[in-house]
Amino acid sequence: MTYQNRDTQIIQYKPLSLLQIEAMLPHLLKRKNIASYDGNCVFIGNRKDYPFKKDFISCATVEDVAVAIETMVTQGVGPWIAAVHAMAMQADLSKNKSSLVADLNLAKERLAKTRPTNTLIRYRVEEVFQLAKGAIESNQDPAETILTRIDQLLDEMYTHYGLRGQIGAQQLEDGDGVLTMCFAETSFILAMSIAKQGGKKLTAYVPETRPYLQGARLTAPSLQEVGIEVKLITDNMPAAIMAEGKIQKYMTAADLITLDGHVVNKVGTFQNAIAAHAHNIPFYAFAWGCDYNKPDRASIEIEYRDPSEIRSCRNIATTTDDIGALYPAFDITPPKYVSGIITRHGILSPFDLKNGYEEEN
């Protein structure tokens, strides 16, 4: 079965340099293209219009950034990166005001509520808020303090991406068909790129990911950009493709992984995991880190989005407005369907996470 080996597999790799990692990444995942702050506005890489446009959304207020996050201008790690830059912007906007700390606290609370399932946003804005308060008490510039910490976090994040990418690449074999879901982002793209550089020929099967089409618009072009053969499929095709023997691995990102091994990711991940299990195809999830406040399934808050979003696709109506609809943005895959959690330390069984499995970065 796909979850037979429950032993922790710790793997040591020589870290890739940040320059090596940057060179292997597609446009969307390069550091400068996710989010930045120029002293006046926060610029967020606009994934809503990609790949048809490569542009940025300019945000002059925290509310602008919050709305951009909520309306899916950015996803994955993008929301927390945009959010912490928004905190730096708020520190500048409220500079020399007696309300500075209160304004930063309001900004933190607003940003933390934008995407409730992905808890990394809350951790990051809380961290930079505390740093900003310390800077204010020490008569230092809180915006500069936040921006310095952002650079440190991004250096760490990309280094860890490189480690997870190397570990993921080791699980791939020459000739593999690899199914993913939604936009598995940097660790997955790096794993595929590293495997390709190692001489492995791979084919990625990418579900379109309704209703925002992240698979069609983000994942498929990004994989093609780094030289991976891509087959775009609709969201209801994975089981049929598995039955034809074309898929050997299933790999996704994870917005959250609980301490009892439940994997939370874009809705559709769970049904693909069931189909993979039925076909003895291993499912690996890349972990961003460990949230000790999420011990089990009951602790998860699933974001439900406006159901009107699934009555259309790319602003074209697919049914009438009076049809009922339901839109859970994420689903939960139980640990019995997960072969391994790919961390920067190695591959862990989903059954061995109760004591934690990665630092929160």
Protein backbone atom coordinates (compact mmCIF):
# COMPACT_ATOMS: atom_id res chain seq x y z
CA MET A 1 0.00 0.00 0.00
CA THR A 2 1.09 3.56 -0.47
CA TYR A 3 1.51 4.16 3.27
CA GLN A 4 3.29 0.96 4.35
CA ASN A 5 6.64 2.53 5.26
CA ARG A 6 6.03 4.61 8.36
CA ASP A 7 9.70 5.06 9.24
CA THR A 8 11.19 8.52 9.19
CA GLN A 9 13.69 8.95 6.36
CA ILE A 10 16.20 11.65 7.24
CA ILE A 11 18.28 12.76 4.27
CA GLN A 12 21.34 15.01 4.29
CA TYR A 13 22.02 17.24 1.29
CA LYS A 14 24.46 20.00 0.53
CA PRO A 15 22.25 23.08 0.34
CA LEU A 16 21.91 24.74 -3.03
CA SER A 17 22.97 28.37 -3.13
CA LEU A 18 20.31 31.04 -3.45
CA LEU A 19 21.68 31.87 -6.90
CA GLN A 20 21.38 28.23 -7.99
CA ILE A 21 17.80 28.07 -6.76
CA GLU A 22 16.85 31.35 -8.44
CA ALA A 23 18.27 30.15 -11.76
CA MET A 24 16.07 27.04 -11.70
CA LEU A 25 12.82 28.87 -11.01
CA PRO A 26 10.20 30.11 -13.48
CA HIS A 27 9.07 33.72 -13.67
CA LEU A 28 6.25 33.40 -11.12
CA LEU A 29 8.46 32.01 -8.37
CA LYS A 30 11.44 34.29 -8.64
CA ARG A 31 11.79 36.27 -5.45
CA LYS A 32 11.23 39.75 -6.88
CA ASN A 33 8.09 38.64 -8.71
CA ILE A 34 6.09 37.56 -5.65
CA ALA A 35 5.81 40.81 -3.66
CA SER A 36 7.91 43.85 -2.80
CA TYR A 37 7.73 47.30 -1.21
CA ASP A 38 9.34 50.39 -2.73
CA GLY A 39 8.80 52.80 0.17
CA ASN A 40 5.42 53.94 -1.11
CA CYS A 41 3.45 50.95 -2.39
CA VAL A 42 3.42 47.19 -2.09
CA PHE A 43 3.66 45.49 -5.48
CA ILE A 44 2.18 42.00 -5.77
CA GLY A 45 2.84 39.73 -8.73
CA ASN A 46 -0.54 39.45 -10.44
CA ARG A 47 -1.30 35.76 -10.79
CA LYS A 48 -4.94 36.40 -11.74
CA ASP A 49 -3.96 37.40 -15.28
CA TYR A 50 -0.96 35.09 -15.72
CA PRO A 51 0.22 33.76 -18.20
CA PHE A 52 -1.55 36.21 -20.49
CA LYS A 53 0.04 39.16 -18.67
CA LYS A 54 3.14 39.50 -16.51
CA ASP A 55 2.32 42.49 -14.35
CA PHE A 56 1.96 43.67 -10.76
CA ILE A 57 -0.87 45.02 -8.63
CA SER A 58 0.07 48.24 -6.85
CA CYS A 59 -1.29 48.58 -3.30
CA ALA A 60 -1.10 51.89 -1.44
CA THR A 61 -2.84 50.73 1.77
CA VAL A 62 -3.09 47.64 3.94
CA GLU A 63 -6.70 47.27 2.83
CA ASP A 64 -5.55 47.19 -0.80
CA VAL A 65 -3.16 44.34 0.05
CA ALA A 66 -5.83 42.47 2.03
CA VAL A 67 -8.29 42.68 -0.84
CA ALA A 68 -5.62 41.54 -3.31
CA ILE A 69 -4.98 38.48 -1.16
CA GLU A 70 -8.68 37.73 -0.78
CA THR A 71 -9.34 38.08 -4.50
CA MET A 72 -6.60 35.60 -5.40
CA VAL A 73 -4.08 38.00 -6.90
CA THR A 74 -1.55 35.73 -5.16
CA GLN A 75 -1.65 32.28 -3.57
CA GLY A 76 0.57 29.80 -1.74
CA VAL A 77 3.36 31.68 0.08
CA GLY A 78 2.44 34.85 -1.79
CA PRO A 79 -0.16 36.02 0.76
CA TRP A 80 2.23 36.06 3.73
CA ILE A 81 4.98 37.74 1.70
CA ALA A 82 2.54 40.43 0.56
CA ALA A 83 1.19 40.76 4.11
CA VAL A 84 4.52 41.37 5.82
CA HIS A 85 5.45 43.95 3.19
CA ALA A 86 2.09 45.59 3.97
CA MET A 87 3.13 45.74 7.63
CA ALA A 88 6.30 47.60 6.63
CA MET A 89 4.19 49.98 4.55
CA GLN A 90 1.87 50.62 7.48
CA ALA A 91 4.87 51.35 9.69
CA ASP A 92 5.91 54.05 7.22
CA LEU A 93 2.37 55.41 6.81
CA SER A 94 1.96 55.77 10.58
CA LYS A 95 5.49 57.01 11.24
CA ASN A 96 5.63 59.75 13.90
CA LYS A 97 2.00 59.14 14.85
CA SER A 98 0.99 58.32 18.42
CA SER A 99 -1.26 55.64 16.93
CA LEU A 100 1.66 53.75 15.29
CA VAL A 101 1.43 50.60 17.42
CA ALA A 102 -2.37 50.59 17.30
CA ASP A 103 -2.30 51.03 13.52
CA LEU A 104 0.14 48.14 13.13
CA ASN A 105 -2.06 45.97 15.33
CA LEU A 106 -5.12 46.75 13.20
CA ALA A 107 -3.12 45.97 10.07
CA LYS A 108 -1.98 42.67 11.55
CA GLU A 109 -5.53 41.64 12.45
CA ARG A 110 -6.91 42.56 9.02
CA LEU A 111 -4.18 40.70 7.14
CA ALA A 112 -4.42 37.61 9.33
CA LYS A 113 -8.09 37.19 8.38
CA THR A 114 -7.59 37.20 4.62
CA ARG A 115 -7.05 33.43 4.16
CA PRO A 116 -8.07 31.59 7.37
CA THR A 117 -6.98 28.07 6.36
CA ASN A 118 -3.33 28.93 5.66
CA THR A 119 -2.12 29.83 9.14
CA LEU A 120 1.35 30.93 8.03
CA ILE A 121 0.02 34.42 7.30
CA ARG A 122 -0.98 34.84 10.94
CA TYR A 123 2.42 33.64 12.20
CA ARG A 124 4.36 35.96 9.96
CA VAL A 125 2.37 39.14 10.59
CA GLU A 126 2.45 38.49 14.34
CA GLU A 127 6.22 38.02 14.22
CA VAL A 128 6.92 41.27 12.37
CA PHE A 129 4.41 43.12 14.58
CA GLN A 130 6.35 42.11 17.68
CA LEU A 131 9.63 43.09 16.01
CA ALA A 132 8.17 46.47 15.06
CA LYS A 133 7.05 47.10 18.65
CA GLY A 134 10.55 46.30 19.87
CA ALA A 135 12.03 48.67 17.30
CA ILE A 136 9.71 51.47 18.38
CA GLU A 137 10.65 50.97 22.04
CA SER A 138 14.34 51.15 21.04
CA ASN A 139 13.86 54.27 18.92
CA GLN A 140 14.65 52.35 15.73
CA ASP A 141 12.80 52.46 12.42
CA PRO A 142 10.08 49.77 12.55
CA ALA A 143 9.71 49.63 8.76
CA GLU A 144 13.43 49.00 8.28
CA THR A 145 13.32 46.37 11.03
CA ILE A 146 10.47 44.57 9.28
CA LEU A 147 12.15 44.72 5.88
CA THR A 148 15.39 43.33 7.29
CA ARG A 149 13.48 40.42 8.80
CA ILE A 150 11.65 39.82 5.50
CA ASP A 151 15.00 39.44 3.72
CA GLN A 152 16.13 36.94 6.38
CA LEU A 153 12.89 34.97 6.10
CA LEU A 154 13.08 34.82 2.32
CA ASP A 155 16.71 33.67 2.41
CA GLU A 156 15.72 30.88 4.81
CA MET A 157 12.61 30.00 2.84
CA TYR A 158 14.40 29.60 -0.48
CA THR A 159 17.22 27.62 1.13
CA HIS A 160 14.63 25.25 2.58
CA TYR A 161 12.87 25.08 -0.78
CA GLY A 162 16.14 23.87 -2.23
CA LEU A 163 16.44 21.12 0.38
CA ARG A 164 12.87 19.94 -0.11
CA GLY A 165 13.33 20.10 -3.87
CA GLN A 166 16.39 17.85 -3.67
CA ILE A 167 14.54 15.37 -1.47
CA GLY A 168 11.51 15.40 -3.75
CA ALA A 169 13.70 14.87 -6.83
CA GLN A 170 15.14 11.72 -5.28
CA GLN A 171 11.65 10.18 -5.19
CA LEU A 172 11.22 10.65 -8.94
CA GLU A 173 12.41 8.06 -11.42
CA ASP A 174 13.25 8.36 -15.08
CA GLY A 175 10.07 8.08 -17.13
CA ASP A 176 7.70 8.96 -14.28
CA GLY A 177 4.36 10.58 -14.90
CA VAL A 178 3.76 12.97 -12.00
CA LEU A 179 0.33 14.23 -11.00
CA THR A 180 0.04 17.44 -9.02
CA MET A 181 -2.87 19.63 -7.91
CA CYS A 182 -3.35 23.39 -8.05
CA PHE A 183 -0.04 25.29 -7.86
CA ALA A 184 2.38 23.18 -5.82
CA GLU A 185 4.82 26.07 -5.98
CA THR A 186 8.54 26.22 -5.39
CA SER A 187 9.48 22.93 -3.71
CA PHE A 188 7.62 20.91 -6.34
CA ILE A 189 8.87 22.94 -9.30
CA LEU A 190 12.42 22.63 -7.97
CA ALA A 191 12.02 18.87 -7.46
CA MET A 192 10.97 18.47 -11.08
CA SER A 193 13.73 20.80 -12.31
CA ILE A 194 16.44 19.08 -10.26
CA ALA A 195 15.29 15.65 -11.43
CA LYS A 196 15.38 16.85 -15.03
CA GLN A 197 18.91 18.22 -14.58
CA GLY A 198 19.84 14.80 -13.24
CA GLY A 199 18.84 13.22 -16.55
CA LYS A 200 15.35 12.06 -15.62
CA LYS A 201 12.64 12.47 -18.26
CA LEU A 202 9.35 13.35 -16.59
CA THR A 203 5.82 14.17 -17.65
CA ALA A 204 3.65 16.34 -15.42
CA TYR A 205 -0.12 15.81 -15.41
CA VAL A 206 -1.74 19.04 -14.28
CA PRO A 207 -5.45 19.34 -13.46
CA GLU A 208 -6.84 22.73 -14.51
CA THR A 209 -8.08 23.52 -10.94
CA ARG A 210 -11.48 25.16 -11.20
CA PRO A 211 -12.64 27.83 -10.68
CA TYR A 212 -9.46 29.96 -10.76
CA LEU A 213 -7.57 27.61 -13.07
CA GLN A 214 -4.30 27.75 -11.12
CA GLY A 215 -3.22 24.48 -12.69
CA ALA A 216 -3.83 25.68 -16.23
CA ARG A 217 -2.57 29.24 -15.75
CA LEU A 218 0.22 28.89 -13.16
CA THR A 219 1.48 25.32 -12.83
CA ALA A 220 1.49 24.22 -16.45
CA PRO A 221 3.28 27.33 -17.80
CA SER A 222 5.79 27.27 -14.92
CA LEU A 223 6.69 23.62 -15.52
CA GLN A 224 6.95 24.20 -19.25
CA GLU A 225 9.23 27.19 -18.59
CA VAL A 226 11.73 24.97 -16.72
CA GLY A 227 11.63 22.34 -19.47
CA ILE A 228 9.21 19.74 -18.11
CA GLU A 229 6.79 18.05 -20.50
CA VAL A 230 3.27 18.99 -19.43
CA LYS A 231 -0.11 17.41 -20.05
CA LEU A 232 -3.00 19.62 -18.96
CA ILE A 233 -6.08 17.67 -17.85
CA THR A 234 -9.44 18.59 -16.37
CA ASP A 235 -10.11 18.11 -12.67
CA ASN A 236 -12.18 14.97 -13.24
CA MET A 237 -9.55 13.07 -15.26
CA PRO A 238 -6.85 11.93 -12.76
CA ALA A 239 -8.37 8.52 -11.91
CA ALA A 240 -8.81 7.70 -15.59
CA ILE A 241 -5.20 8.68 -16.35
CA MET A 242 -4.01 6.58 -13.40
CA ALA A 243 -5.96 3.59 -14.66
CA GLU A 244 -4.09 3.88 -17.96
CA GLY A 245 -0.78 3.55 -16.09
CA LYS A 246 0.47 7.00 -17.03
CA ILE A 247 0.99 8.30 -13.47
CA GLN A 248 3.61 6.91 -11.08
CA LYS A 249 3.79 9.68 -8.44
CA TYR A 250 1.41 12.21 -6.94
CA MET A 251 2.96 15.34 -5.38
CA THR A 252 1.34 18.50 -4.05
CA ALA A 253 1.99 21.43 -1.77
CA ALA A 254 0.17 21.65 1.55
CA ASP A 255 -1.38 24.78 2.98
CA LEU A 256 -1.38 23.07 6.37
CA ILE A 257 -0.44 19.68 7.83
CA THR A 258 -1.78 18.76 11.26
CA LEU A 259 0.25 17.00 13.92
CA ASP A 260 -1.84 13.86 13.37
CA GLY A 261 -0.97 13.80 9.68
CA HIS A 262 -3.95 15.35 7.90
CA VAL A 263 -2.93 17.23 4.75
CA VAL A 264 -4.90 20.38 3.94
CA ASN A 265 -4.60 21.63 0.39
CA LYS A 266 -6.62 22.98 -2.53
CA VAL A 267 -9.97 21.23 -2.90
CA GLY A 268 -9.51 18.25 -5.22
CA THR A 269 -6.34 17.05 -3.51
CA PHE A 270 -8.25 14.53 -1.38
CA GLN A 271 -10.13 12.85 -4.22
CA ASN A 272 -6.88 12.47 -6.15
CA ALA A 273 -5.26 10.91 -3.08
CA ILE A 274 -8.06 8.34 -2.88
CA ALA A 275 -7.60 7.50 -6.55
CA ALA A 276 -3.82 7.27 -6.11
CA HIS A 277 -4.25 4.94 -3.15
CA ALA A 278 -6.53 2.71 -5.20
CA HIS A 279 -3.84 2.46 -7.87
CA ASN A 280 -0.89 2.01 -5.44
CA ILE A 281 0.57 5.36 -6.45
CA PRO A 282 2.50 7.14 -3.66
CA PHE A 283 1.34 10.58 -2.58
CA TYR A 284 3.93 13.03 -1.22
CA ALA A 285 3.06 16.43 0.25
CA PHE A 286 5.62 19.22 0.66
CA ALA A 287 5.48 20.88 4.09
CA TRP A 288 6.19 24.56 4.64
CA GLY A 289 6.61 23.97 8.35
CA CYS A 290 4.82 22.91 11.50
CA ASP A 291 1.87 24.65 13.13
CA TYR A 292 1.77 23.35 16.71
CA ASN A 293 -1.67 24.92 17.14
CA LYS A 294 -3.15 22.48 14.63
CA PRO A 295 -3.04 19.08 16.36
CA ASP A 296 -5.84 17.36 14.48
CA ARG A 297 -8.60 17.56 11.91
CA ALA A 298 -10.97 19.27 14.32
CA SER A 299 -8.58 22.24 14.64
CA ILE A 300 -8.77 23.08 10.93
CA GLU A 301 -10.86 25.98 9.65
CA ILE A 302 -11.78 25.40 6.02
CA GLU A 303 -12.29 28.59 4.05
CA TYR A 304 -15.59 28.71 2.19
CA ARG A 305 -15.53 31.23 -0.63
CA ASP A 306 -18.37 33.04 -2.37
CA PRO A 307 -20.32 30.33 -4.28
CA SER A 308 -20.91 32.78 -7.12
CA GLU A 309 -17.26 32.20 -8.03
CA ILE A 310 -18.07 28.73 -9.34
CA ARG A 311 -21.01 29.83 -11.45
CA SER A 312 -18.52 31.35 -13.85
CA CYS A 313 -15.03 30.76 -15.21
CA ARG A 314 -12.71 33.61 -16.18
CA ASN A 315 -15.71 35.97 -16.00
CA ILE A 316 -17.81 33.86 -18.35
CA ALA A 317 -21.02 32.48 -16.85
CA THR A 318 -21.30 28.70 -16.88
CA THR A 319 -24.85 28.57 -15.50
CA THR A 320 -27.62 30.90 -14.36
CA ASP A 321 -27.34 33.05 -11.24
CA ASP A 322 -30.24 31.31 -9.50
CA ILE A 323 -28.48 27.92 -9.36
CA GLY A 324 -27.31 26.97 -5.87
CA ALA A 325 -23.58 26.45 -5.42
CA LEU A 326 -21.00 25.54 -2.77
CA TYR A 327 -17.29 26.41 -2.70
CA PRO A 328 -15.00 24.97 -0.03
CA ALA A 329 -11.56 26.25 -1.10
CA PHE A 330 -9.62 23.41 0.58
CA ASP A 331 -10.05 19.76 1.49
CA ILE A 332 -8.48 17.43 4.06
CA THR A 333 -6.62 14.23 3.15
CA PRO A 334 -6.38 11.70 6.03
CA PRO A 335 -2.89 10.32 6.77
CA LYS A 336 -3.69 6.82 5.55
CA TYR A 337 -3.66 8.17 1.99
CA VAL A 338 -0.31 9.98 2.39
CA SER A 339 2.95 8.12 1.70
CA GLY A 340 5.25 10.79 3.06
CA ILE A 341 5.62 14.39 4.16
CA ILE A 342 8.59 16.03 2.47
CA THR A 343 10.34 18.35 4.94
CA ARG A 344 13.70 20.05 4.70
CA HIS A 345 15.09 17.37 7.02
CA GLY A 346 13.82 14.39 5.05
CA ILE A 347 10.65 12.41 4.41
CA LEU A 348 8.46 11.75 7.42
CA SER A 349 5.53 9.43 7.80
CA PRO A 350 2.25 11.29 8.37
CA PHE A 351 1.85 9.02 11.41
CA ASP A 352 5.02 10.35 13.06
CA LEU A 353 4.33 14.07 13.30
CA LYS A 354 2.91 14.48 16.80
CA ASN A 355 6.13 15.96 18.22
CA GLY A 356 6.51 18.39 15.32
CA TYR A 357 8.35 18.04 12.06
CA GLU A 358 9.77 21.40 10.99
CA GLU A 359 10.48 24.77 12.44
CA GLU A 360 8.00 27.40 11.36
CA ASN A 361 9.90 28.77 8.38
